[in-house]
PDB file of all heavy atoms in Angstrom:
ATOM      1  N   ILE A   1       7.604 -10.186 -28.648  1.00  0.00           N
ATOM      2  CA  ILE A   1       8.554  -9.954 -27.551  1.00  0.00           C
ATOM      3  C   ILE A   1       8.433  -8.539 -27.042  1.00  0.00           C
ATOM      4  O   ILE A   1       8.359  -8.290 -25.829  1.00  0.00           O
ATOM      5  CB  ILE A   1       9.988 -10.288 -27.999  1.00  0.00           C
ATOM      6  CG1 ILE A   1      10.152 -11.781 -28.239  1.00  0.00           C
ATOM      7  CG2 ILE A   1      11.001  -9.779 -26.977  1.00  0.00           C
ATOM      8  CD1 ILE A   1      11.425 -12.159 -28.974  1.00  0.00           C
ATOM      9  N   GLN A   2       8.358  -7.587 -27.956  1.00  0.00           N
ATOM     10  CA  GLN A   2       8.235  -6.183 -27.572  1.00  0.00           C
ATOM     11  C   GLN A   2       6.936  -5.932 -26.806  1.00  0.00           C
ATOM     12  O   GLN A   2       6.920  -5.225 -25.801  1.00  0.00           O
ATOM     13  CB  GLN A   2       8.316  -5.286 -28.805  1.00  0.00           C
ATOM     14  CG  GLN A   2       8.263  -3.803 -28.486  1.00  0.00           C
ATOM     15  CD  GLN A   2       8.432  -2.940 -29.716  1.00  0.00           C
ATOM     16  OE1 GLN A   2       8.602  -3.422 -30.831  1.00  0.00           O
ATOM     17  NE2 GLN A   2       8.354  -1.633 -29.525  1.00  0.00           N
ATOM     18  N   GLN A   3       5.833  -6.521 -27.276  1.00  0.00           N
ATOM     19  CA  GLN A   3       4.551  -6.329 -26.602  1.00  0.00           C
ATOM     20  C   GLN A   3       4.583  -6.864 -25.179  1.00  0.00           C
ATOM     21  O   GLN A   3       4.125  -6.205 -24.251  1.00  0.00           O
ATOM     22  CB  GLN A   3       3.440  -7.007 -27.403  1.00  0.00           C
ATOM     23  CG  GLN A   3       3.104  -6.309 -28.683  1.00  0.00           C
ATOM     24  CD  GLN A   3       2.180  -7.110 -29.560  1.00  0.00           C
ATOM     25  OE1 GLN A   3       1.917  -8.282 -29.345  1.00  0.00           O
ATOM     26  NE2 GLN A   3       1.647  -6.467 -30.610  1.00  0.00           N
ATOM     27  N   TYR A   4       5.144  -8.070 -24.985  1.00  0.00           N
ATOM     28  CA  TYR A   4       5.202  -8.629 -23.637  1.00  0.00           C
ATOM     29  C   TYR A   4       6.150  -7.838 -22.740  1.00  0.00           C
ATOM     30  O   TYR A   4       5.929  -7.706 -21.556  1.00  0.00           O
ATOM     31  CB  TYR A   4       5.619 -10.101 -23.673  1.00  0.00           C
ATOM     32  CG  TYR A   4       4.497 -11.001 -24.112  1.00  0.00           C
ATOM     33  CD1 TYR A   4       4.509 -11.613 -25.369  1.00  0.00           C
ATOM     34  CD2 TYR A   4       3.406 -11.251 -23.288  1.00  0.00           C
ATOM     35  CE1 TYR A   4       3.477 -12.427 -25.783  1.00  0.00           C
ATOM     36  CE2 TYR A   4       2.357 -12.055 -23.690  1.00  0.00           C
ATOM     37  CZ  TYR A   4       2.403 -12.649 -24.940  1.00  0.00           C
ATOM     38  OH  TYR A   4       1.367 -13.456 -25.350  1.00  0.00           O
ATOM     39  N   THR A   5       7.200  -7.286 -23.325  1.00  0.00           N
ATOM     40  CA  THR A   5       8.162  -6.495 -22.562  1.00  0.00           C
ATOM     41  C   THR A   5       7.549  -5.174 -22.107  1.00  0.00           C
ATOM     42  O   THR A   5       7.769  -4.746 -20.973  1.00  0.00           O
ATOM     43  CB  THR A   5       9.406  -6.233 -23.421  1.00  0.00           C
ATOM     44  OG1 THR A   5       9.996  -7.484 -23.795  1.00  0.00           O
ATOM     45  CG2 THR A   5      10.455  -5.438 -22.639  1.00  0.00           C
ATOM     46  N   GLU A   6       6.784  -4.557 -22.983  1.00  0.00           N
ATOM     47  CA  GLU A   6       6.292  -3.200 -22.709  1.00  0.00           C
ATOM     48  C   GLU A   6       4.939  -3.139 -22.025  1.00  0.00           C
ATOM     49  O   GLU A   6       4.623  -2.123 -21.395  1.00  0.00           O
ATOM     50  CB  GLU A   6       6.226  -2.406 -24.018  1.00  0.00           C
ATOM     51  CG  GLU A   6       7.597  -2.176 -24.629  1.00  0.00           C
ATOM     52  CD  GLU A   6       7.543  -1.485 -25.985  1.00  0.00           C
ATOM     53  OE1 GLU A   6       6.428  -1.225 -26.504  1.00  0.00           O
ATOM     54  OE2 GLU A   6       8.626  -1.196 -26.527  1.00  0.00           O
ATOM     55  N   SER A   7       4.121  -4.181 -22.121  1.00  0.00           N
ATOM     56  CA  SER A   7       2.758  -4.096 -21.593  1.00  0.00           C
ATOM     57  C   SER A   7       2.615  -4.813 -20.254  1.00  0.00           C
ATOM     58  O   SER A   7       2.917  -6.015 -20.136  1.00  0.00           O
ATOM     59  CB  SER A   7       1.776  -4.708 -22.593  1.00  0.00           C
ATOM     60  OG  SER A   7       0.488  -4.788 -22.028  1.00  0.00           O
ATOM     61  N   ASP A   8       2.097  -4.090 -19.280  1.00  0.00           N
ATOM     62  CA  ASP A   8       1.798  -4.722 -17.988  1.00  0.00           C
ATOM     63  C   ASP A   8       0.518  -5.546 -18.053  1.00  0.00           C
ATOM     64  O   ASP A   8       0.268  -6.392 -17.200  1.00  0.00           O
ATOM     65  CB  ASP A   8       1.658  -3.665 -16.899  1.00  0.00           C
ATOM     66  CG  ASP A   8       3.002  -3.020 -16.562  1.00  0.00           C
ATOM     67  OD1 ASP A   8       4.040  -3.648 -16.787  1.00  0.00           O
ATOM     68  OD2 ASP A   8       3.002  -1.857 -16.081  1.00  0.00           O
ATOM     69  N   GLU A   9      -0.336  -5.281 -19.052  1.00  0.00           N
ATOM     70  CA  GLU A   9      -1.592  -6.005 -19.197  1.00  0.00           C
ATOM     71  C   GLU A   9      -1.410  -7.399 -19.779  1.00  0.00           C
ATOM     72  O   GLU A   9      -2.243  -8.281 -19.541  1.00  0.00           O
ATOM     73  CB  GLU A   9      -2.583  -5.217 -20.076  1.00  0.00           C
ATOM     74  CG  GLU A   9      -3.368  -4.176 -19.324  1.00  0.00           C
ATOM     75  CD  GLU A   9      -2.581  -2.871 -19.170  1.00  0.00           C
ATOM     76  OE1 GLU A   9      -2.094  -2.372 -20.185  1.00  0.00           O
ATOM     77  OE2 GLU A   9      -2.455  -2.399 -18.039  1.00  0.00           O
ATOM     78  N   LEU A  10      -0.384  -7.588 -20.567  1.00  0.00           N
ATOM     79  CA  LEU A  10      -0.132  -8.907 -21.171  1.00  0.00           C
ATOM     80  C   LEU A  10       0.572  -9.814 -20.179  1.00  0.00           C
ATOM     81  O   LEU A  10       1.559  -9.403 -19.560  1.00  0.00           O
ATOM     82  CB  LEU A  10       0.722  -8.750 -22.437  1.00  0.00           C
ATOM     83  CG  LEU A  10       0.020  -8.317 -23.696  1.00  0.00           C
ATOM     84  CD1 LEU A  10       1.038  -8.013 -24.793  1.00  0.00           C
ATOM     85  CD2 LEU A  10      -0.964  -9.368 -24.163  1.00  0.00           C
ATOM     86  N   HIS A  11       0.104 -11.018 -20.060  1.00  0.00           N
ATOM     87  CA  HIS A  11       0.706 -12.017 -19.178  1.00  0.00           C
ATOM     88  C   HIS A  11       1.355 -13.104 -20.033  1.00  0.00           C
ATOM     89  O   HIS A  11       0.778 -13.524 -21.036  1.00  0.00           O
ATOM     90  CB  HIS A  11      -0.367 -12.656 -18.273  1.00  0.00           C
ATOM     91  CG  HIS A  11      -1.103 -11.659 -17.451  1.00  0.00           C
ATOM     92  ND1 HIS A  11      -0.665 -11.254 -16.214  1.00  0.00           N
ATOM     93  CD2 HIS A  11      -2.237 -10.960 -17.701  1.00  0.00           C
ATOM     94  CE1 HIS A  11      -1.496 -10.369 -15.715  1.00  0.00           C
ATOM     95  NE2 HIS A  11      -2.461 -10.163 -16.607  1.00  0.00           N
ATOM     96  N   LEU A  12       2.492 -13.575 -19.638  1.00  0.00           N
ATOM     97  CA  LEU A  12       3.183 -14.653 -20.314  1.00  0.00           C
ATOM     98  C   LEU A  12       3.586 -15.670 -19.269  1.00  0.00           C
ATOM     99  O   LEU A  12       4.403 -15.378 -18.381  1.00  0.00           O
ATOM    100  CB  LEU A  12       4.407 -14.145 -21.079  1.00  0.00           C
ATOM    101  CG  LEU A  12       5.127 -15.178 -21.947  1.00  0.00           C
ATOM    102  CD1 LEU A  12       4.216 -15.679 -23.082  1.00  0.00           C
ATOM    103  CD2 LEU A  12       6.396 -14.600 -22.532  1.00  0.00           C
ATOM    104  N   GLU A  13       3.000 -16.839 -19.343  1.00  0.00           N
ATOM    105  CA  GLU A  13       3.270 -17.879 -18.358  1.00  0.00           C
ATOM    106  C   GLU A  13       3.644 -19.172 -19.079  1.00  0.00           C
ATOM    107  O   GLU A  13       3.364 -19.345 -20.259  1.00  0.00           O
ATOM    108  CB  GLU A  13       2.040 -18.075 -17.456  1.00  0.00           C
ATOM    109  CG  GLU A  13       1.729 -16.815 -16.693  1.00  0.00           C
ATOM    110  CD  GLU A  13       0.569 -16.929 -15.730  1.00  0.00           C
ATOM    111  OE1 GLU A  13      -0.122 -17.973 -15.726  1.00  0.00           O
ATOM    112  OE2 GLU A  13       0.349 -15.981 -14.979  1.00  0.00           O
ATOM    113  N   GLY A  14       4.279 -20.055 -18.343  1.00  0.00           N
ATOM    114  CA  GLY A  14       4.728 -21.290 -18.956  1.00  0.00           C
ATOM    115  C   GLY A  14       4.590 -22.467 -18.038  1.00  0.00           C
ATOM    116  O   GLY A  14       4.310 -22.329 -16.848  1.00  0.00           O
ATOM    117  N   TYR A  15       4.790 -23.640 -18.615  1.00  0.00           N
ATOM    118  CA  TYR A  15       4.744 -24.895 -17.864  1.00  0.00           C
ATOM    119  C   TYR A  15       6.078 -25.593 -18.027  1.00  0.00           C
ATOM    120  O   TYR A  15       6.576 -25.766 -19.143  1.00  0.00           O
ATOM    121  CB  TYR A  15       3.623 -25.805 -18.400  1.00  0.00           C
ATOM    122  CG  TYR A  15       3.565 -27.108 -17.667  1.00  0.00           C
ATOM    123  CD1 TYR A  15       2.948 -27.171 -16.394  1.00  0.00           C
ATOM    124  CD2 TYR A  15       4.158 -28.239 -18.175  1.00  0.00           C
ATOM    125  CE1 TYR A  15       2.936 -28.362 -15.699  1.00  0.00           C
ATOM    126  CE2 TYR A  15       4.131 -29.439 -17.476  1.00  0.00           C
ATOM    127  CZ  TYR A  15       3.527 -29.484 -16.236  1.00  0.00           C
ATOM    128  OH  TYR A  15       3.501 -30.658 -15.529  1.00  0.00           O
ATOM    129  N   GLU A  16       6.691 -25.945 -16.895  1.00  0.00           N
ATOM    130  CA  GLU A  16       7.962 -26.663 -16.889  1.00  0.00           C
ATOM    131  C   GLU A  16       7.743 -28.086 -16.390  1.00  0.00           C
ATOM    132  O   GLU A  16       6.949 -28.322 -15.476  1.00  0.00           O
ATOM    133  CB  GLU A  16       8.985 -25.970 -16.006  1.00  0.00           C
ATOM    134  CG  GLU A  16       9.539 -24.708 -16.601  1.00  0.00           C
ATOM    135  CD  GLU A  16      10.642 -24.079 -15.745  1.00  0.00           C
ATOM    136  OE1 GLU A  16      10.564 -24.158 -14.511  1.00  0.00           O
ATOM    137  OE2 GLU A  16      11.588 -23.553 -16.333  1.00  0.00           O
ATOM    138  N   GLY A  17       8.481 -28.988 -16.978  1.00  0.00           N
ATOM    139  CA  GLY A  17       8.474 -30.374 -16.539  1.00  0.00           C
ATOM    140  C   GLY A  17       9.869 -30.930 -16.630  1.00  0.00           C
ATOM    141  O   GLY A  17      10.565 -30.738 -17.635  1.00  0.00           O
ATOM    142  N   GLU A  18      10.317 -31.568 -15.566  1.00  0.00           N
ATOM    143  CA  GLU A  18      11.645 -32.171 -15.521  1.00  0.00           C
ATOM    144  C   GLU A  18      12.734 -31.160 -15.902  1.00  0.00           C
ATOM    145  O   GLU A  18      13.662 -31.453 -16.653  1.00  0.00           O
ATOM    146  CB  GLU A  18      11.697 -33.406 -16.412  1.00  0.00           C
ATOM    147  CG  GLU A  18      10.710 -34.483 -15.991  1.00  0.00           C
ATOM    148  CD  GLU A  18      10.748 -35.709 -16.894  1.00  0.00           C
ATOM    149  OE1 GLU A  18      11.696 -35.864 -17.683  1.00  0.00           O
ATOM    150  OE2 GLU A  18       9.785 -36.496 -16.798  1.00  0.00           O
ATOM    151  N   GLY A  19      12.589 -29.931 -15.410  1.00  0.00           N
ATOM    152  CA  GLY A  19      13.598 -28.895 -15.630  1.00  0.00           C
ATOM    153  C   GLY A  19      13.602 -28.278 -17.010  1.00  0.00           C
ATOM    154  O   GLY A  19      14.519 -27.527 -17.362  1.00  0.00           O
ATOM    155  N   GLN A  20      12.594 -28.596 -17.824  1.00  0.00           N
ATOM    156  CA  GLN A  20      12.543 -28.067 -19.191  1.00  0.00           C
ATOM    157  C   GLN A  20      11.256 -27.296 -19.377  1.00  0.00           C
ATOM    158  O   GLN A  20      10.190 -27.702 -18.897  1.00  0.00           O
ATOM    159  CB  GLN A  20      12.592 -29.219 -20.191  1.00  0.00           C
ATOM    160  CG  GLN A  20      12.492 -28.762 -21.638  1.00  0.00           C
ATOM    161  CD  GLN A  20      12.395 -29.919 -22.618  1.00  0.00           C
ATOM    162  OE1 GLN A  20      11.944 -30.999 -22.283  1.00  0.00           O
ATOM    163  NE2 GLN A  20      12.812 -29.676 -23.840  1.00  0.00           N
ATOM    164  N   LEU A  21      11.338 -26.165 -20.068  1.00  0.00           N
ATOM    165  CA  LEU A  21      10.145 -25.406 -20.433  1.00  0.00           C
ATOM    166  C   LEU A  21       9.443 -26.149 -21.558  1.00  0.00           C
ATOM    167  O   LEU A  21      10.004 -26.360 -22.627  1.00  0.00           O
ATOM    168  CB  LEU A  21      10.520 -23.992 -20.878  1.00  0.00           C
ATOM    169  CG  LEU A  21       9.373 -23.039 -21.161  1.00  0.00           C
ATOM    170  CD1 LEU A  21       8.516 -22.833 -19.926  1.00  0.00           C
ATOM    171  CD2 LEU A  21       9.904 -21.713 -21.685  1.00  0.00           C
ATOM    172  N   ILE A  22       8.214 -26.591 -21.300  1.00  0.00           N
ATOM    173  CA  ILE A  22       7.468 -27.430 -22.234  1.00  0.00           C
ATOM    174  C   ILE A  22       6.456 -26.618 -23.052  1.00  0.00           C
ATOM    175  O   ILE A  22       6.235 -26.884 -24.218  1.00  0.00           O
ATOM    176  CB  ILE A  22       6.738 -28.555 -21.478  1.00  0.00           C
ATOM    177  CG1 ILE A  22       7.795 -29.513 -20.900  1.00  0.00           C
ATOM    178  CG2 ILE A  22       5.780 -29.314 -22.370  1.00  0.00           C
ATOM    179  CD1 ILE A  22       7.244 -30.581 -19.983  1.00  0.00           C
ATOM    180  N   GLY A  23       5.836 -25.637 -22.399  1.00  0.00           N
ATOM    181  CA  GLY A  23       4.821 -24.858 -23.094  1.00  0.00           C
ATOM    182  C   GLY A  23       4.705 -23.455 -22.517  1.00  0.00           C
ATOM    183  O   GLY A  23       5.193 -23.185 -21.422  1.00  0.00           O
ATOM    184  N   LEU A  24       4.069 -22.579 -23.319  1.00  0.00           N
ATOM    185  CA  LEU A  24       3.812 -21.231 -22.819  1.00  0.00           C
ATOM    186  C   LEU A  24       2.428 -20.798 -23.229  1.00  0.00           C
ATOM    187  O   LEU A  24       1.832 -21.309 -24.179  1.00  0.00           O
ATOM    188  CB  LEU A  24       4.868 -20.236 -23.238  1.00  0.00           C
ATOM    189  CG  LEU A  24       5.089 -19.831 -24.702  1.00  0.00           C
ATOM    190  CD1 LEU A  24       3.961 -19.029 -25.286  1.00  0.00           C
ATOM    191  CD2 LEU A  24       6.356 -19.037 -24.812  1.00  0.00           C
ATOM    192  N   LEU A  25       1.932 -19.809 -22.507  1.00  0.00           N
ATOM    193  CA  LEU A  25       0.585 -19.275 -22.692  1.00  0.00           C
ATOM    194  C   LEU A  25       0.630 -17.768 -22.455  1.00  0.00           C
ATOM    195  O   LEU A  25       1.039 -17.335 -21.371  1.00  0.00           O
ATOM    196  CB  LEU A  25      -0.372 -19.948 -21.694  1.00  0.00           C
ATOM    197  CG  LEU A  25      -1.812 -19.521 -21.653  1.00  0.00           C
ATOM    198  CD1 LEU A  25      -2.514 -19.934 -22.950  1.00  0.00           C
ATOM    199  CD2 LEU A  25      -2.507 -20.191 -20.476  1.00  0.00           C
ATOM    200  N   GLY A  26       0.291 -16.995 -23.472  1.00  0.00           N
ATOM    201  CA  GLY A  26       0.214 -15.547 -23.337  1.00  0.00           C
ATOM    202  C   GLY A  26      -1.249 -15.122 -23.398  1.00  0.00           C
ATOM    203  O   GLY A  26      -2.006 -15.617 -24.224  1.00  0.00           O
ATOM    204  N   TYR A  27      -1.630 -14.191 -22.510  1.00  0.00           N
ATOM    205  CA  TYR A  27      -3.043 -13.799 -22.473  1.00  0.00           C
ATOM    206  C   TYR A  27      -3.201 -12.398 -21.923  1.00  0.00           C
ATOM    207  O   TYR A  27      -2.259 -11.813 -21.363  1.00  0.00           O
ATOM    208  CB  TYR A  27      -3.859 -14.806 -21.658  1.00  0.00           C
ATOM    209  CG  TYR A  27      -3.445 -14.914 -20.204  1.00  0.00           C
ATOM    210  CD1 TYR A  27      -4.060 -14.149 -19.236  1.00  0.00           C
ATOM    211  CD2 TYR A  27      -2.425 -15.787 -19.822  1.00  0.00           C
ATOM    212  CE1 TYR A  27      -3.672 -14.246 -17.898  1.00  0.00           C
ATOM    213  CE2 TYR A  27      -2.037 -15.890 -18.495  1.00  0.00           C
ATOM    214  CZ  TYR A  27      -2.665 -15.127 -17.546  1.00  0.00           C
ATOM    215  OH  TYR A  27      -2.283 -15.215 -16.223  1.00  0.00           O
ATOM    216  N   ILE A  28      -4.413 -11.877 -22.079  1.00  0.00           N
ATOM    217  CA  ILE A  28      -4.756 -10.549 -21.575  1.00  0.00           C
ATOM    218  C   ILE A  28      -6.211 -10.577 -21.108  1.00  0.00           C
ATOM    219  O   ILE A  28      -7.036 -11.291 -21.681  1.00  0.00           O
ATOM    220  CB  ILE A  28      -4.538  -9.479 -22.669  1.00  0.00           C
ATOM    221  CG1 ILE A  28      -4.738  -8.077 -22.115  1.00  0.00           C
ATOM    222  CG2 ILE A  28      -5.445  -9.735 -23.878  1.00  0.00           C
ATOM    223  CD1 ILE A  28      -4.284  -6.971 -23.084  1.00  0.00           C
ATOM    224  N   HIS A  29      -6.497  -9.819 -20.068  1.00  0.00           N
ATOM    225  CA  HIS A  29      -7.880  -9.639 -19.625  1.00  0.00           C
ATOM    226  C   HIS A  29      -8.516  -8.634 -20.560  1.00  0.00           C
ATOM    227  O   HIS A  29      -8.061  -7.490 -20.618  1.00  0.00           O
ATOM    228  CB  HIS A  29      -7.940  -9.176 -18.180  1.00  0.00           C
ATOM    229  CG  HIS A  29      -7.448 -10.195 -17.208  1.00  0.00           C
ATOM    230  ND1 HIS A  29      -8.273 -11.124 -16.634  1.00  0.00           N
ATOM    231  CD2 HIS A  29      -6.200 -10.461 -16.753  1.00  0.00           C
ATOM    232  CE1 HIS A  29      -7.552 -11.913 -15.844  1.00  0.00           C
ATOM    233  NE2 HIS A  29      -6.292 -11.543 -15.902  1.00  0.00           N
ATOM    234  N   THR A  30      -9.548  -9.046 -21.293  1.00  0.00           N
ATOM    235  CA  THR A  30     -10.175  -8.169 -22.270  1.00  0.00           C
ATOM    236  C   THR A  30     -11.552  -7.696 -21.828  1.00  0.00           C
ATOM    237  O   THR A  30     -12.287  -7.086 -22.586  1.00  0.00           O
ATOM    238  CB  THR A  30     -10.287  -8.880 -23.637  1.00  0.00           C
ATOM    239  OG1 THR A  30     -10.821 -10.190 -23.451  1.00  0.00           O
ATOM    240  CG2 THR A  30      -8.927  -8.979 -24.300  1.00  0.00           C
ATOM    241  N   GLY A  31     -11.887  -7.969 -20.588  1.00  0.00           N
ATOM    242  CA  GLY A  31     -13.156  -7.517 -20.008  1.00  0.00           C
ATOM    243  C   GLY A  31     -13.145  -7.915 -18.554  1.00  0.00           C
ATOM    244  O   GLY A  31     -12.228  -8.583 -18.086  1.00  0.00           O
ATOM    245  N   ALA A  32     -14.175  -7.506 -17.829  1.00  0.00           N
ATOM    246  CA  ALA A  32     -14.238  -7.794 -16.408  1.00  0.00           C
ATOM    247  C   ALA A  32     -14.187  -9.290 -16.150  1.00  0.00           C
ATOM    248  O   ALA A  32     -13.518  -9.737 -15.212  1.00  0.00           O
ATOM    249  CB  ALA A  32     -15.501  -7.196 -15.815  1.00  0.00           C
TER     250      ALA A  32
END
């Protein structure tokens, strides 16, 4: 939680279905 809050490089995205959060995906660009 702290890493996602503090880092602009880390992305946290999710998938919603029928008004519910079903999944999430956190990632970072580690090269070009």
